[in-house]
C-alpha atoms as a PDB file:
ATOM      1  CA  MET A   1     -10.555  -5.793 -21.339  1.00  0.00           C
ATOM      2  CA  ARG A   2      -7.364  -5.493 -22.889  1.00  0.00           C
ATOM      3  CA  ASP A   3      -8.197  -2.391 -25.123  1.00  0.00           C
ATOM      4  CA  THR A   4      -4.719  -0.193 -25.098  1.00  0.00           C
ATOM      5  CA  SER A   5      -6.746   2.631 -26.879  1.00  0.00           C
ATOM      6  CA  MET A   6      -8.917   3.209 -24.204  1.00  0.00           C
ATOM      7  CA  ALA A   7      -7.164   2.524 -20.747  1.00  0.00           C
ATOM      8  CA  LEU A   8      -5.753   5.797 -20.501  1.00  0.00           C
ATOM      9  CA  LYS A   9      -8.092   8.148 -22.526  1.00  0.00           C
ATOM     10  CA  GLY A  10      -9.061  11.146 -20.315  1.00  0.00           C
ATOM     11  CA  ILE A  11      -6.680  10.178 -17.708  1.00  0.00           C
ATOM     12  CA  SER A  12      -4.277  13.111 -16.482  1.00  0.00           C
ATOM     13  CA  ALA A  13      -3.043  10.813 -13.412  1.00  0.00           C
ATOM     14  CA  LEU A  14      -1.816   7.551 -12.341  1.00  0.00           C
ATOM     15  CA  LEU A  15      -1.518   5.953  -8.893  1.00  0.00           C
ATOM     16  CA  LEU A  16       0.910   3.305  -9.646  1.00  0.00           C
ATOM     17  CA  ASP A  17       1.436   0.591  -7.221  1.00  0.00           C
ATOM     18  CA  MET A  18       4.985  -0.943  -6.590  1.00  0.00           C
ATOM     19  CA  ASP A  19       5.171  -4.479  -5.661  1.00  0.00           C
ATOM     20  CA  GLY A  20       4.207  -6.569  -8.927  1.00  0.00           C
ATOM     21  CA  VAL A  21       3.485  -3.334 -11.101  1.00  0.00           C
ATOM     22  CA  LEU A  22       7.007  -2.373 -11.241  1.00  0.00           C
ATOM     23  CA  TYR A  23       9.076  -4.740  -9.723  1.00  0.00           C
ATOM     24  CA  SER A  24       9.069  -8.277  -7.826  1.00  0.00           C
ATOM     25  CA  GLY A  25      11.222  -8.074  -4.653  1.00  0.00           C
ATOM     26  CA  ASP A  26      14.622  -7.060  -6.637  1.00  0.00           C
ATOM     27  CA  ARG A  27      13.860  -7.856  -9.929  1.00  0.00           C
ATOM     28  CA  THR A  28      12.250  -5.193 -12.120  1.00  0.00           C
ATOM     29  CA  ILE A  29       9.701  -5.824 -14.197  1.00  0.00           C
ATOM     30  CA  ASP A  30      11.109  -5.848 -18.003  1.00  0.00           C
ATOM     31  CA  GLY A  31       9.941  -2.328 -19.668  1.00  0.00           C
ATOM     32  CA  ALA A  32       9.065  -0.888 -16.424  1.00  0.00           C
ATOM     33  CA  ALA A  33      11.168   2.047 -16.456  1.00  0.00           C
ATOM     34  CA  ASP A  34      10.411   3.064 -20.117  1.00  0.00           C
ATOM     35  CA  ALA A  35       6.494   2.884 -19.254  1.00  0.00           C
ATOM     36  CA  VAL A  36       6.819   5.230 -16.057  1.00  0.00           C
ATOM     37  CA  GLU A  37       8.977   7.855 -18.725  1.00  0.00           C
ATOM     38  CA  ARG A  38       6.449   7.055 -21.035  1.00  0.00           C
ATOM     39  CA  PHE A  39       3.740   8.146 -18.664  1.00  0.00           C
ATOM     40  CA  ARG A  40       5.501  11.087 -18.092  1.00  0.00           C
ATOM     41  CA  SER A  41       6.205  12.170 -21.822  1.00  0.00           C
ATOM     42  CA  GLU A  42       2.503  12.010 -21.951  1.00  0.00           C
ATOM     43  CA  GLY A  43       2.055  14.488 -19.364  1.00  0.00           C
ATOM     44  CA  LYS A  44       0.397  12.247 -16.559  1.00  0.00           C
ATOM     45  CA  LYS A  45       0.753  13.145 -13.246  1.00  0.00           C
ATOM     46  CA  LEU A  46       2.511  10.278 -11.421  1.00  0.00           C
ATOM     47  CA  LEU A  47       2.246   8.733  -7.862  1.00  0.00           C
ATOM     48  CA  PHE A  48       3.822   5.904  -6.428  1.00  0.00           C
ATOM     49  CA  ILE A  49       1.668   4.009  -3.947  1.00  0.00           C
ATOM     50  CA  THR A  50       2.733   0.805  -1.749  1.00  0.00           C
ATOM     51  CA  ASN A  51       0.728  -0.741   1.154  1.00  0.00           C
ATOM     52  CA  ASN A  52       3.924  -1.888   2.371  1.00  0.00           C
ATOM     53  CA  SER A  53       5.163  -0.665   5.115  1.00  0.00           C
ATOM     54  CA  ALA A  54       8.444  -1.944   5.829  1.00  0.00           C
ATOM     55  CA  SER A  55      10.990   0.737   4.366  1.00  0.00           C
ATOM     56  CA  THR A  56      10.750   4.568   4.461  1.00  0.00           C
ATOM     57  CA  ARG A  57       9.967   6.427   1.082  1.00  0.00           C
ATOM     58  CA  GLU A  58      13.590   7.158   0.724  1.00  0.00           C
ATOM     59  CA  LYS A  59      14.656   4.017   0.547  1.00  0.00           C
ATOM     60  CA  TYR A  60      11.605   3.130  -2.163  1.00  0.00           C
ATOM     61  CA  ALA A  61      13.304   6.346  -4.232  1.00  0.00           C
ATOM     62  CA  ARG A  62      16.663   4.509  -4.207  1.00  0.00           C
ATOM     63  CA  LYS A  63      15.434   1.512  -4.655  1.00  0.00           C
ATOM     64  CA  LEU A  64      13.340   2.741  -7.842  1.00  0.00           C
ATOM     65  CA  ALA A  65      16.494   4.550  -9.013  1.00  0.00           C
ATOM     66  CA  ARG A  66      18.622   1.573  -9.168  1.00  0.00           C
ATOM     67  CA  MET A  67      16.054   0.136 -11.574  1.00  0.00           C
ATOM     68  CA  GLY A  68      16.171   3.087 -13.853  1.00  0.00           C
ATOM     69  CA  ILE A  69      12.696   4.567 -12.430  1.00  0.00           C
ATOM     70  CA  ARG A  70      13.390   7.864 -11.826  1.00  0.00           C
ATOM     71  CA  THR A  71      11.167   9.303  -8.800  1.00  0.00           C
ATOM     72  CA  SER A  72      11.365  11.853  -5.035  1.00  0.00           C
ATOM     73  CA  VAL A  73      10.357  10.887  -2.060  1.00  0.00           C
ATOM     74  CA  ARG A  74       7.256  13.581  -2.446  1.00  0.00           C
ATOM     75  CA  SER A  75       5.988  11.180  -5.505  1.00  0.00           C
ATOM     76  CA  ILE A  76       5.791   8.212  -2.882  1.00  0.00           C
ATOM     77  CA  ILE A  77       3.295   7.195  -0.567  1.00  0.00           C
ATOM     78  CA  THR A  78       3.121   4.185   1.454  1.00  0.00           C
ATOM     79  CA  SER A  79       1.102   2.671   4.236  1.00  0.00           C
ATOM     80  CA  GLY A  80       3.114   3.684   6.664  1.00  0.00           C
ATOM     81  CA  TYR A  81       3.871   7.419   5.527  1.00  0.00           C
ATOM     82  CA  ALA A  82      -0.089   7.441   5.098  1.00  0.00           C
ATOM     83  CA  THR A  83      -0.287   5.967   8.912  1.00  0.00           C
ATOM     84  CA  ALA A  84       1.493   8.710  10.162  1.00  0.00           C
ATOM     85  CA  VAL A  85      -0.187  11.041   8.502  1.00  0.00           C
ATOM     86  CA  TYR A  86      -3.841  10.057   9.566  1.00  0.00           C
ATOM     87  CA  LEU A  87      -2.516   9.690  13.435  1.00  0.00           C
ATOM     88  CA  LYS A  88      -0.328  12.994  13.052  1.00  0.00           C
ATOM     89  CA  GLU A  89      -4.102  14.405  11.530  1.00  0.00           C
ATOM     90  CA  HIS A  90      -6.878  12.717  14.235  1.00  0.00           C
ATOM     91  CA  SER A  91      -4.260  11.903  17.151  1.00  0.00           C
ATOM     92  CA  PRO A  92      -1.392  14.174  17.611  1.00  0.00           C
ATOM     93  CA  GLY A  93      -0.980  13.375  21.352  1.00  0.00           C
ATOM     94  CA  ALA A  94      -1.047   9.532  20.845  1.00  0.00           C
ATOM     95  CA  ARG A  95       1.183   7.144  22.406  1.00  0.00           C
ATOM     96  CA  ILE A  96       1.894   4.418  19.875  1.00  0.00           C
ATOM     97  CA  HIS A  97       3.252   0.894  20.066  1.00  0.00           C
ATOM     98  CA  VAL A  98       4.099  -0.880  16.775  1.00  0.00           C
ATOM     99  CA  VAL A  99       4.383  -4.197  15.778  1.00  0.00           C
ATOM    100  CA  GLY A 100       5.949  -3.669  12.543  1.00  0.00           C
ATOM    101  CA  GLY A 101       9.296  -2.649  11.059  1.00  0.00           C
ATOM    102  CA  LYS A 102      11.746   0.032  10.906  1.00  0.00           C
ATOM    103  CA  GLY A 103      10.409   2.130   8.112  1.00  0.00           C
ATOM    104  CA  LEU A 104       7.176   2.062   9.711  1.00  0.00           C
ATOM    105  CA  LYS A 105       8.685   3.409  13.168  1.00  0.00           C
ATOM    106  CA  PHE A 106      10.601   5.996  11.200  1.00  0.00           C
ATOM    107  CA  GLU A 107       7.720   7.211   9.538  1.00  0.00           C
ATOM    108  CA  LEU A 108       5.586   7.735  12.274  1.00  0.00           C
ATOM    109  CA  ARG A 109       9.003   9.408  14.402  1.00  0.00           C
ATOM    110  CA  ARG A 110       9.200  11.446  11.624  1.00  0.00           C
ATOM    111  CA  ALA A 111       5.485  13.120  12.071  1.00  0.00           C
ATOM    112  CA  GLY A 112       6.693  13.888  15.838  1.00  0.00           C
ATOM    113  CA  LEU A 113       4.692  11.031  17.218  1.00  0.00           C
ATOM    114  CA  THR A 114       5.408   9.328  20.472  1.00  0.00           C
ATOM    115  CA  LEU A 115       6.398   5.955  20.356  1.00  0.00           C
ATOM    116  CA  VAL A 116       6.257   3.322  23.333  1.00  0.00           C
ATOM    117  CA  SER A 117       7.758  -0.171  24.271  1.00  0.00           C
ATOM    118  CA  GLY A 118       8.710  -2.511  27.020  1.00  0.00           C
ATOM    119  CA  GLU A 119       7.142  -1.639  30.155  1.00  0.00           C
ATOM    120  CA  GLU A 120       5.077   1.562  28.794  1.00  0.00           C
ATOM    121  CA  VAL A 121       3.085  -0.787  26.474  1.00  0.00           C
ATOM    122  CA  GLU A 122      -0.086  -0.545  28.697  1.00  0.00           C
ATOM    123  CA  THR A 123       0.149   2.799  28.079  1.00  0.00           C
ATOM    124  CA  ALA A 124      -0.466   3.123  24.859  1.00  0.00           C
ATOM    125  CA  THR A 125      -3.430   4.873  22.838  1.00  0.00           C
ATOM    126  CA  HIS A 126      -2.539   3.266  19.560  1.00  0.00           C
ATOM    127  CA  VAL A 127      -1.309  -0.152  18.441  1.00  0.00           C
ATOM    128  CA  VAL A 128       0.083   0.175  14.637  1.00  0.00           C
ATOM    129  CA  ALA A 129       0.447  -3.244  13.196  1.00  0.00           C
ATOM    130  CA  GLY A 130       2.471  -3.582   9.941  1.00  0.00           C
ATOM    131  CA  LEU A 131       5.076  -6.088   7.947  1.00  0.00           C
ATOM    132  CA  ASP A 132       7.428  -6.890  10.261  1.00  0.00           C
ATOM    133  CA  GLN A 133       9.601  -9.525   8.341  1.00  0.00           C
ATOM    134  CA  LYS A 134      11.255  -9.958  11.783  1.00  0.00           C
ATOM    135  CA  ILE A 135       8.480 -10.711  14.237  1.00  0.00           C
ATOM    136  CA  LYS A 136       9.082 -12.559  17.305  1.00  0.00           C
ATOM    137  CA  TYR A 137       6.632 -13.611  19.795  1.00  0.00           C
ATOM    138  CA  ASP A 138       7.352 -10.461  22.321  1.00  0.00           C
ATOM    139  CA  LYS A 139       6.409  -8.311  19.516  1.00  0.00           C
ATOM    140  CA  ILE A 140       2.874 -10.042  19.717  1.00  0.00           C
ATOM    141  CA  ALA A 141       2.577 -10.295  23.340  1.00  0.00           C
ATOM    142  CA  ASP A 142       3.226  -6.771  23.845  1.00  0.00           C
ATOM    143  CA  GLY A 143       0.672  -5.869  21.351  1.00  0.00           C
ATOM    144  CA  LEU A 144      -1.417  -8.028  22.866  1.00  0.00           C
ATOM    145  CA  ARG A 145      -0.844  -5.958  26.530  1.00  0.00           C
ATOM    146  CA  ALA A 146      -1.589  -2.893  24.535  1.00  0.00           C
ATOM    147  CA  LEU A 147      -4.655  -3.699  23.113  1.00  0.00           C
ATOM    148  CA  LEU A 148      -6.189  -5.606  26.448  1.00  0.00           C
ATOM    149  CA  ALA A 149      -5.455  -2.253  28.132  1.00  0.00           C
ATOM    150  CA  GLY A 150      -7.506  -0.268  25.668  1.00  0.00           C
ATOM    151  CA  ALA A 151      -5.482   0.997  22.789  1.00  0.00           C
ATOM    152  CA  GLU A 152      -6.769   2.056  19.705  1.00  0.00           C
ATOM    153  CA  PHE A 153      -6.115  -1.027  16.836  1.00  0.00           C
ATOM    154  CA  VAL A 154      -4.693   0.462  13.679  1.00  0.00           C
ATOM    155  CA  ALA A 155      -3.746  -1.536  10.715  1.00  0.00           C
ATOM    156  CA  THR A 156      -1.396  -0.044   7.649  1.00  0.00           C
ATOM    157  CA  ASN A 157      -2.854  -2.854   5.687  1.00  0.00           C
ATOM    158  CA  LEU A 158      -4.304  -5.946   5.434  1.00  0.00           C
ATOM    159  CA  ASP A 159      -2.373  -7.607   2.555  1.00  0.00           C
ATOM    160  CA  PRO A 160      -2.288 -11.595   3.270  1.00  0.00           C
ATOM    161  CA  THR A 161       0.840 -11.653   0.785  1.00  0.00           C
ATOM    162  CA  TYR A 162       3.363  -9.636  -0.811  1.00  0.00           C
ATOM    163  CA  PRO A 163       5.234 -10.610  -4.311  1.00  0.00           C
ATOM    164  CA  SER A 164       8.686 -11.402  -4.379  1.00  0.00           C
ATOM    165  CA  GLU A 165      11.166 -12.792  -6.772  1.00  0.00           C
ATOM    166  CA  LYS A 166      10.703 -15.932  -4.529  1.00  0.00           C
ATOM    167  CA  GLY A 167       7.287 -16.423  -4.839  1.00  0.00           C
ATOM    168  CA  LEU A 168       4.508 -14.742  -2.153  1.00  0.00           C
ATOM    169  CA  LEU A 169       5.761 -14.366   1.054  1.00  0.00           C
ATOM    170  CA  PRO A 170       3.277 -12.776   4.244  1.00  0.00           C
ATOM    171  CA  GLY A 171       2.165 -10.193   4.439  1.00  0.00           C
ATOM    172  CA  ALA A 172       1.279  -7.537   6.884  1.00  0.00           C
ATOM    173  CA  GLY A 173      -2.238  -9.487   7.300  1.00  0.00           C
ATOM    174  CA  ALA A 174       0.070 -12.209   8.805  1.00  0.00           C
ATOM    175  CA  ILE A 175       0.787  -9.482  11.519  1.00  0.00           C
ATOM    176  CA  VAL A 176      -2.612  -8.050  12.102  1.00  0.00           C
ATOM    177  CA  GLY A 177      -4.103 -11.641  12.098  1.00  0.00           C
ATOM    178  CA  ALA A 178      -2.091 -12.836  14.903  1.00  0.00           C
ATOM    179  CA  LEU A 179      -3.094  -9.491  17.166  1.00  0.00           C
ATOM    180  CA  ARG A 180      -6.579 -10.235  15.627  1.00  0.00           C
ATOM    181  CA  GLY A 181      -6.294 -14.329  16.696  1.00  0.00           C
ATOM    182  CA  CYS A 182      -5.338 -13.543  20.561  1.00  0.00           C
ATOM    183  CA  SER A 183      -6.915  -9.774  21.492  1.00  0.00           C
ATOM    184  CA  GLY A 184     -10.395 -11.238  19.636  1.00  0.00           C
ATOM    185  CA  ARG A 185     -10.273  -7.276  18.469  1.00  0.00           C
ATOM    186  CA  GLU A 186     -10.986  -6.331  14.327  1.00  0.00           C
ATOM    187  CA  PRO A 187      -8.582  -3.197  13.554  1.00  0.00           C
ATOM    188  CA  ASP A 188     -10.645  -0.108  14.124  1.00  0.00           C
ATOM    189  CA  VAL A 189      -9.421   1.151  11.241  1.00  0.00           C
ATOM    190  CA  VAL A 190      -7.330   0.260   8.300  1.00  0.00           C
ATOM    191  CA  ILE A 191      -5.133   2.645   6.612  1.00  0.00           C
ATOM    192  CA  GLY A 192      -3.893   1.014   3.093  1.00  0.00           C
ATOM    193  CA  LYS A 193      -5.448  -0.258  -0.136  1.00  0.00           C
ATOM    194  CA  PRO A 194      -8.465  -0.883  -0.176  1.00  0.00           C
ATOM    195  CA  SER A 195      -9.272   1.876   2.330  1.00  0.00           C
ATOM    196  CA  PRO A 196      -9.967   5.147   1.015  1.00  0.00           C
ATOM    197  CA  HIS A 197      -7.601   7.439   3.596  1.00  0.00           C
ATOM    198  CA  ILE A 198      -4.465   6.245   1.190  1.00  0.00           C
ATOM    199  CA  ILE A 199      -6.399   7.060  -2.096  1.00  0.00           C
ATOM    200  CA  ASN A 200      -7.790  10.413  -0.924  1.00  0.00           C
ATOM    201  CA  MET A 201      -4.330  11.159   0.265  1.00  0.00           C
ATOM    202  CA  ALA A 202      -2.848  10.345  -3.265  1.00  0.00           C
ATOM    203  CA  MET A 203      -5.206  12.547  -4.956  1.00  0.00           C
ATOM    204  CA  SER A 204      -5.165  15.410  -2.772  1.00  0.00           C
ATOM    205  CA  PHE A 205      -1.644  15.284  -3.253  1.00  0.00           C
ATOM    206  CA  LEU A 206      -1.760  15.318  -7.226  1.00  0.00           C
ATOM    207  CA  ARG A 207      -4.843  17.900  -6.884  1.00  0.00           C
ATOM    208  CA  THR A 208      -6.798  15.748  -8.798  1.00  0.00           C
ATOM    209  CA  ASN A 209     -10.426  14.304  -8.933  1.00  0.00           C
ATOM    210  CA  PRO A 210     -11.342  10.578  -9.319  1.00  0.00           C
ATOM    211  CA  GLY A 211     -12.648  11.030 -13.027  1.00  0.00           C
ATOM    212  CA  GLU A 212      -9.469  11.792 -14.173  1.00  0.00           C
ATOM    213  CA  THR A 213      -7.454   9.322 -12.698  1.00  0.00           C
ATOM    214  CA  ALA A 214      -6.654   5.557 -13.014  1.00  0.00           C
ATOM    215  CA  ILE A 215      -5.001   3.136 -10.604  1.00  0.00           C
ATOM    216  CA  ILE A 216      -2.547   0.372 -12.005  1.00  0.00           C
ATOM    217  CA  GLY A 217      -1.922  -2.536  -9.405  1.00  0.00           C
ATOM    218  CA  ASP A 218      -1.589  -6.385  -9.522  1.00  0.00           C
ATOM    219  CA  ARG A 219      -3.909  -7.446  -6.522  1.00  0.00           C
ATOM    220  CA  ILE A 220      -7.923  -7.463  -6.593  1.00  0.00           C
ATOM    221  CA  ASP A 221      -8.582  -7.360  -3.394  1.00  0.00           C
ATOM    222  CA  THR A 222      -6.703  -4.183  -2.777  1.00  0.00           C
ATOM    223  CA  ASP A 223      -5.578  -2.044  -5.792  1.00  0.00           C
ATOM    224  CA  ILE A 224      -8.286  -2.742  -7.867  1.00  0.00           C
ATOM    225  CA  GLU A 225     -11.186  -2.798  -5.097  1.00  0.00           C
ATOM    226  CA  ALA A 226      -9.623   0.688  -3.378  1.00  0.00           C
ATOM    227  CA  GLY A 227      -9.907   2.385  -7.310  1.00  0.00           C
ATOM    228  CA  ARG A 228     -13.336   0.876  -7.356  1.00  0.00           C
ATOM    229  CA  ARG A 229     -14.484   2.452  -3.975  1.00  0.00           C
ATOM    230  CA  ALA A 230     -12.804   5.717  -4.950  1.00  0.00           C
ATOM    231  CA  GLY A 231     -14.244   6.041  -8.580  1.00  0.00           C
ATOM    232  CA  LEU A 232     -10.793   5.770 -10.094  1.00  0.00           C
ATOM    233  CA  ARG A 233     -10.523   4.079 -13.570  1.00  0.00           C
ATOM    234  CA  THR A 234      -8.933   0.492 -12.772  1.00  0.00           C
ATOM    235  CA  ILE A 235      -6.172  -1.235 -14.387  1.00  0.00           C
ATOM    236  CA  LEU A 236      -5.048  -4.600 -13.351  1.00  0.00           C
ATOM    237  CA  VAL A 237      -1.693  -5.987 -14.756  1.00  0.00           C
ATOM    238  CA  LEU A 238      -0.977  -9.552 -14.370  1.00  0.00           C
ATOM    239  CA  SER A 239       3.118  -9.334 -13.430  1.00  0.00           C
ATOM    240  CA  GLY A 240       2.324 -10.169  -9.982  1.00  0.00           C
ATOM    241  CA  ALA A 241      -0.133 -11.588  -7.303  1.00  0.00           C
ATOM    242  CA  CYS A 242      -2.954 -12.081  -9.149  1.00  0.00           C
ATOM    243  CA  THR A 243      -3.809 -15.244 -10.957  1.00  0.00           C
ATOM    244  CA  GLU A 244      -6.657 -15.492 -14.402  1.00  0.00           C
ATOM    245  CA  GLU A 245      -8.315 -17.556 -11.880  1.00  0.00           C
ATOM    246  CA  ASP A 246      -8.705 -14.893  -9.567  1.00  0.00           C
ATOM    247  CA  LEU A 247     -10.208 -12.502 -12.601  1.00  0.00           C
ATOM    248  CA  ARG A 248     -12.697 -15.077 -13.419  1.00  0.00           C
ATOM    249  CA  ARG A 249     -13.790 -14.858  -9.710  1.00  0.00           C
ATOM    250  CA  ALA A 250     -13.837 -11.100  -9.433  1.00  0.00           C
ATOM    251  CA  LYS A 251     -15.869 -11.576 -12.824  1.00  0.00           C
ATOM    252  CA  ASN A 252     -18.431 -13.085 -10.838  1.00  0.00           C
ATOM    253  CA  ALA A 253     -18.494 -11.242  -7.967  1.00  0.00           C
ATOM    254  CA  GLY A 254     -19.241  -8.007 -10.260  1.00  0.00           C
ATOM    255  CA  ALA A 255     -15.873  -7.127  -9.085  1.00  0.00           C
ATOM    256  CA  SER A 256     -14.094  -6.496 -12.459  1.00  0.00           C
ATOM    257  CA  PRO A 257     -11.737  -4.534 -13.145  1.00  0.00           C
ATOM    258  CA  ASP A 258     -12.010  -1.908 -15.972  1.00  0.00           C
ATOM    259  CA  PHE A 259      -9.190  -2.997 -17.813  1.00  0.00           C
ATOM    260  CA  VAL A 260      -6.253  -6.044 -17.826  1.00  0.00           C
ATOM    261  CA  PHE A 261      -3.055  -5.962 -19.003  1.00  0.00           C
ATOM    262  CA  GLU A 262      -0.463  -8.385 -18.534  1.00  0.00           C
ATOM    263  CA  SER A 263       2.270  -5.987 -17.797  1.00  0.00           C
ATOM    264  CA  ILE A 264       2.681  -2.476 -17.222  1.00  0.00           C
ATOM    265  CA  THR A 265       4.182  -1.996 -20.319  1.00  0.00           C
ATOM    266  CA  GLU A 266       1.252  -2.550 -22.008  1.00  0.00           C
ATOM    267  CA  VAL A 267      -0.708   0.204 -20.969  1.00  0.00           C
ATOM    268  CA  THR A 268      -0.853   3.317 -23.058  1.00  0.00           C
ATOM    269  CA  GLY A 269      -2.754   6.223 -23.627  1.00  0.00           C
END
């Protein structure tokens, strides 16, 4: 549905995906900064959410600033940060082996959690897997050792790909898949979209409820499905990973988003 007059009616808070909605790689999507400012001028509460755990929230804030989108670290939730919050709350004494990037490790350490590697991997209570653009065989091997020793398997997210200026690139799902393939184990918990963990955290931060909250994203299987599960209004933009064929399949499966637009610039209140 491309009815711009109804998309944000009754909505006071927006969860904005970043990759594919505001930018693609290092390229800003045309009009994204203006759209964000328009939402603010309309009094909408905003929270920026990404399943990408490779970078810290500070790095994302700087990236958005370079693109003309002003925000604060407190208004950004990455799957890495959400994973750190989850483990801090549920397993504060965890010993964690990370198969993921520097941003994920930083968020876990900042939460006061203990990371282990090398000869200590078999003492790990948790293996946390996320996007790692410098993945090496040894990292997968150490993760396998920890899982075989009984560590809990935590995935930041299961995204198979993410959009970039070069096209789609392998996402965290590729890392999780490697560990799943060699260990024969499924993740015990998934934190990022479409899991309810990150969405519930976002609404808690904004002090909002599902009926007055919308999510804007570019993926049906993560952003839109997360919103559907949480009872949010779902708005899909076609500036990222989703195609018209994906839309047709979703419609046939009864999983269509509430609204569909070419880009965030078309979304109005």
